[in-house]
Protein backbone atom coordinates (compact mmCIF):
# COMPACT_ATOMS: atom_id res chain seq x y z
CA MET A 1 46.63 -40.03 35.58
CA ALA A 2 50.76 -39.57 34.59
CA GLU A 3 50.03 -35.79 34.20
CA ARG A 4 48.25 -35.66 37.64
CA LEU A 5 51.20 -37.58 39.17
CA GLY A 6 53.81 -35.23 37.65
CA LEU A 7 54.87 -38.00 35.45
CA ARG A 8 56.27 -37.40 31.68
CA PHE A 9 53.95 -39.82 29.38
CA ILE A 10 55.86 -41.30 26.54
CA GLY A 11 53.45 -43.93 25.64
CA THR A 12 54.00 -47.83 24.52
CA ILE A 13 56.47 -46.66 21.68
CA GLY A 14 58.37 -44.61 23.90
CA LEU A 15 58.66 -46.91 26.31
CA LEU A 16 60.16 -49.84 23.79
CA ARG A 17 62.14 -46.99 22.34
CA GLN A 18 63.88 -45.97 26.03
CA ALA A 19 64.15 -49.66 26.79
CA ARG A 20 66.10 -50.21 23.61
CA TRP A 21 68.49 -47.22 24.23
CA GLN A 22 69.10 -48.19 27.59
CA GLY A 23 69.80 -51.73 27.02
CA LEU A 24 66.97 -53.35 28.37
CA VAL A 25 65.76 -54.96 24.74
CA PRO A 26 67.74 -55.63 21.96
CA ALA A 27 65.42 -53.76 19.41
CA ALA A 28 62.06 -52.12 19.95
CA TYR A 29 61.19 -52.66 16.21
CA PRO A 30 60.50 -56.41 16.11
CA LEU A 31 58.26 -56.05 19.66
CA LEU A 32 56.54 -53.21 17.49
CA VAL A 33 55.74 -55.53 14.65
CA GLU A 34 54.49 -58.17 16.83
CA LEU A 35 52.33 -55.65 18.78
CA ARG A 36 50.99 -54.56 15.70
CA ARG A 37 50.56 -57.99 14.38
CA ARG A 38 48.39 -58.54 17.59
CA GLY A 39 46.34 -55.24 16.76
CA PHE A 40 48.16 -52.35 18.13
CA TRP A 41 48.02 -49.61 15.73
CA VAL A 42 51.55 -48.21 14.59
CA GLY A 43 51.77 -46.14 11.38
CA ASP A 44 53.70 -47.40 8.59
CA SER A 45 56.19 -44.18 8.41
CA LEU A 46 56.82 -44.46 12.24
CA LEU A 47 57.56 -48.11 12.20
CA GLU A 48 59.90 -47.87 8.92
CA GLU A 49 61.63 -44.54 10.83
CA ILE A 50 62.09 -47.04 13.73
CA ARG A 51 63.67 -49.65 11.88
CA ARG A 52 65.93 -47.13 10.14
CA ASP A 53 67.30 -45.81 13.52
CA GLU A 54 67.84 -49.59 14.75
CA GLU A 55 69.77 -50.11 11.75
CA ARG A 56 71.96 -47.38 11.62
CA GLU A 57 73.17 -48.22 15.31
């Protein structure tokens, strides 16, 4: 659908990271941990990368 409308597809993780960069949420990492707890699949290495990125900022 997004492609058909000419929109860029970024997915749930991309959306949360973008929201953090724009100051809409304080951090994406805890939200992703909660999503994962509820059954959303996020790979260990990606989750760790996001955690490290947010610690650096």
